[in-house]
């Protein structure tokens, strides 16, 4: 019986991993995945992301893990066209990324010296705001893209993540409809 709490934690860890991976796989923002998504894909991805977020909090996984799960939740709200809740989730992702940046003494806003978590959460948040009709967010969205571009140009360890970030945001802009206002 002494193993019961540990076994329970291991099961929860497994569920967390499976839920996040399924949610991320269902996200409509991967370069190598051009399969069309339907409403039920986003609903299932959202369910998995919400479960994952709850489990990561229970498991005390830390700020980056919470940011990732909040990102997944936001992506699926965006896929469902619920830009208000997408913005809320992406803001949560950014808040968690900022917590991590504070903990590690790294930049807390978008930029080439910032972490992937800061830049991707900021990029998605501004994308969602832009899609929901906030035209002022477009320039901030481009700032995140620019930060990733500068990281790609540096050709260091952040390059691969920056490529993923640029691809995600470009593909999202192509695949996720919304109110596109750039003025």
Foldseek 3Di string as FASTA:
>chain_A
DVCVVVVVLVVLVVLLVVLLVLLVVLQQQFPVDPDDHDLVSLVSSLVSLVSNLVSCVVVVVALQSNLSSLQSNLSSCLQVVNLVSSLVSLVSSLVSQLVVCVVVVFDSAAALRGDLSRLLSQLSNLVSVQQAPPLVSVVSNVSSLVSLVVNCVVPDPCNVSSVSSNRRSVSCVVRGHGDHDND
